Amino acid sequence: MDTKEQAHLIAKALSSKKGLDVEVIKISDVSVLADYIVIATGTSSTHVKALADEVEYQLDEAGFSVSHVEGHRGNGWILLDYIDIIVHVFDDKSREYYNLERLWEDGTVVKFDDVD
């Protein structure tokens, strides 16, 4: 599975648990940090944690282990680092505040037909 397929799997996992505004941005052309970032919003701290847990579960099932996790303490933002893909799961307020889409506006938004 290449990184684009892995990003698609992450987006599907987030969407399956009712993650809002799921966005995949290809940043490999503008940064060496990662190939993709995936951003999603949860409706509460419990939902944010459930979304992050689902990503971890789905990727573990596919044979990928998370390298690092930040934010499991209910601060409104959980980051999952899969080396080539970084997943950001926010609550509404944190997503608006950090506005990562603006930070990575030079990246390419990747559309997946089955991701809301």
Protein backbone atom coordinates (compact mmCIF):
# COMPACT_ATOMS: atom_id res chain seq x y z
CA MET A 1 0.00 0.00 0.00
CA ASP A 2 1.50 3.34 -1.03
CA THR A 3 1.12 6.55 0.97
CA LYS A 4 -1.78 7.82 -1.17
CA GLU A 5 -3.72 4.61 -0.48
CA GLN A 6 -2.80 4.88 3.19
CA ALA A 7 -4.10 8.48 3.28
CA HIS A 8 -7.30 7.26 1.60
CA LEU A 9 -7.70 4.55 4.25
CA ILE A 10 -7.28 7.17 6.99
CA ALA A 11 -9.86 9.45 5.37
CA LYS A 12 -12.31 6.54 5.06
CA ALA A 13 -11.77 5.59 8.72
CA LEU A 14 -12.47 9.16 9.82
CA SER A 15 -15.52 9.40 7.59
CA SER A 16 -16.87 6.06 8.83
CA LYS A 17 -16.97 7.43 12.38
CA LYS A 18 -18.73 10.62 11.26
CA GLY A 19 -15.64 12.83 11.23
CA LEU A 20 -16.52 16.24 9.82
CA ASP A 21 -14.75 18.14 7.03
CA VAL A 22 -12.24 15.38 6.35
CA GLU A 23 -9.48 16.82 4.20
CA VAL A 24 -6.40 15.19 2.70
CA ILE A 25 -3.60 17.51 1.61
CA LYS A 26 -0.55 16.35 -0.33
CA ILE A 27 2.41 18.30 1.01
CA SER A 28 5.33 16.30 -0.42
CA ASP A 29 5.92 18.95 -3.10
CA VAL A 30 6.24 21.75 -0.54
CA SER A 31 7.72 20.05 2.55
CA VAL A 32 9.97 17.22 3.65
CA LEU A 33 7.90 16.84 6.83
CA ALA A 34 5.53 14.25 5.33
CA ASP A 35 3.83 13.27 2.08
CA TYR A 36 0.27 13.93 3.27
CA ILE A 37 -1.61 15.48 6.13
CA VAL A 38 -5.14 14.42 6.93
CA ILE A 39 -7.37 16.76 8.91
CA ALA A 40 -10.77 16.05 10.47
CA THR A 41 -13.10 17.56 13.05
CA GLY A 42 -14.94 15.83 15.87
CA THR A 43 -17.99 17.20 17.64
CA SER A 44 -16.70 16.69 21.20
CA SER A 45 -13.56 15.57 23.02
CA THR A 46 -15.01 12.05 23.16
CA HIS A 47 -15.66 12.10 19.41
CA VAL A 48 -12.14 13.43 18.70
CA LYS A 49 -10.67 10.53 20.72
CA ALA A 50 -12.96 8.00 18.99
CA LEU A 51 -11.87 9.28 15.57
CA ALA A 52 -8.18 8.99 16.48
CA ASP A 53 -8.76 5.51 17.93
CA GLU A 54 -10.49 4.40 14.71
CA VAL A 55 -7.56 5.60 12.59
CA GLU A 56 -5.13 3.72 14.83
CA TYR A 57 -7.28 0.58 14.68
CA GLN A 58 -7.76 0.63 10.89
CA LEU A 59 -4.09 1.29 10.17
CA ASP A 60 -2.97 -1.33 12.68
CA GLU A 61 -5.23 -3.83 10.89
CA ALA A 62 -3.52 -2.83 7.62
CA GLY A 63 -0.08 -3.38 9.17
CA PHE A 64 0.90 0.21 9.98
CA SER A 65 1.89 1.32 13.46
CA VAL A 66 1.65 4.90 14.64
CA SER A 67 5.08 6.38 15.29
CA HIS A 68 3.95 9.02 17.76
CA VAL A 69 0.72 10.34 19.30
CA GLU A 70 0.19 13.76 20.87
CA GLY A 71 -2.83 15.17 22.64
CA HIS A 72 -4.78 12.25 24.15
CA ARG A 73 -5.53 14.38 27.20
CA GLY A 74 -8.67 16.06 25.86
CA ASN A 75 -7.12 19.31 24.68
CA GLY A 76 -9.15 19.46 21.47
CA TRP A 77 -6.41 18.23 19.13
CA ILE A 78 -4.92 14.78 18.64
CA LEU A 79 -1.99 14.28 16.29
CA LEU A 80 -1.08 10.84 14.93
CA ASP A 81 2.31 10.63 13.23
CA TYR A 82 2.68 7.85 10.67
CA ILE A 83 6.00 9.29 9.38
CA ASP A 84 4.81 9.86 5.78
CA ILE A 85 1.32 10.89 6.87
CA ILE A 86 0.37 13.14 9.76
CA VAL A 87 -3.22 12.99 11.00
CA HIS A 88 -4.76 15.92 12.86
CA VAL A 89 -8.10 15.40 14.60
CA PHE A 90 -9.54 18.58 16.09
CA ASP A 91 -12.61 19.82 17.86
CA ASP A 92 -14.31 22.76 16.07
CA LYS A 93 -12.69 25.50 18.12
CA SER A 94 -9.15 24.13 17.79
CA ARG A 95 -9.47 23.53 14.05
CA GLU A 96 -10.61 27.09 13.50
CA TYR A 97 -7.86 28.47 15.74
CA TYR A 98 -4.94 26.54 14.21
CA ASN A 99 -6.28 26.71 10.64
CA LEU A 100 -3.83 24.17 9.21
CA GLU A 101 -5.48 24.44 5.80
CA ARG A 102 -4.15 28.00 5.56
CA LEU A 103 -0.70 26.90 6.74
CA TRP A 104 -0.58 24.20 4.04
CA GLU A 105 -2.39 26.16 1.31
CA ASP A 106 0.53 25.52 -1.08
CA GLY A 107 -0.17 21.79 -0.80
CA THR A 108 -2.60 19.97 -3.08
CA VAL A 109 -6.01 19.02 -1.72
CA VAL A 110 -6.70 15.39 -2.66
CA LYS A 111 -10.33 14.54 -3.32
CA PHE A 112 -11.69 11.08 -2.64
CA ASP A 113 -15.16 10.32 -4.01
CA ASP A 114 -16.24 8.25 -1.03
CA VAL A 115 -15.10 10.72 1.63
CA ASP A 116 -17.66 13.30 2.73
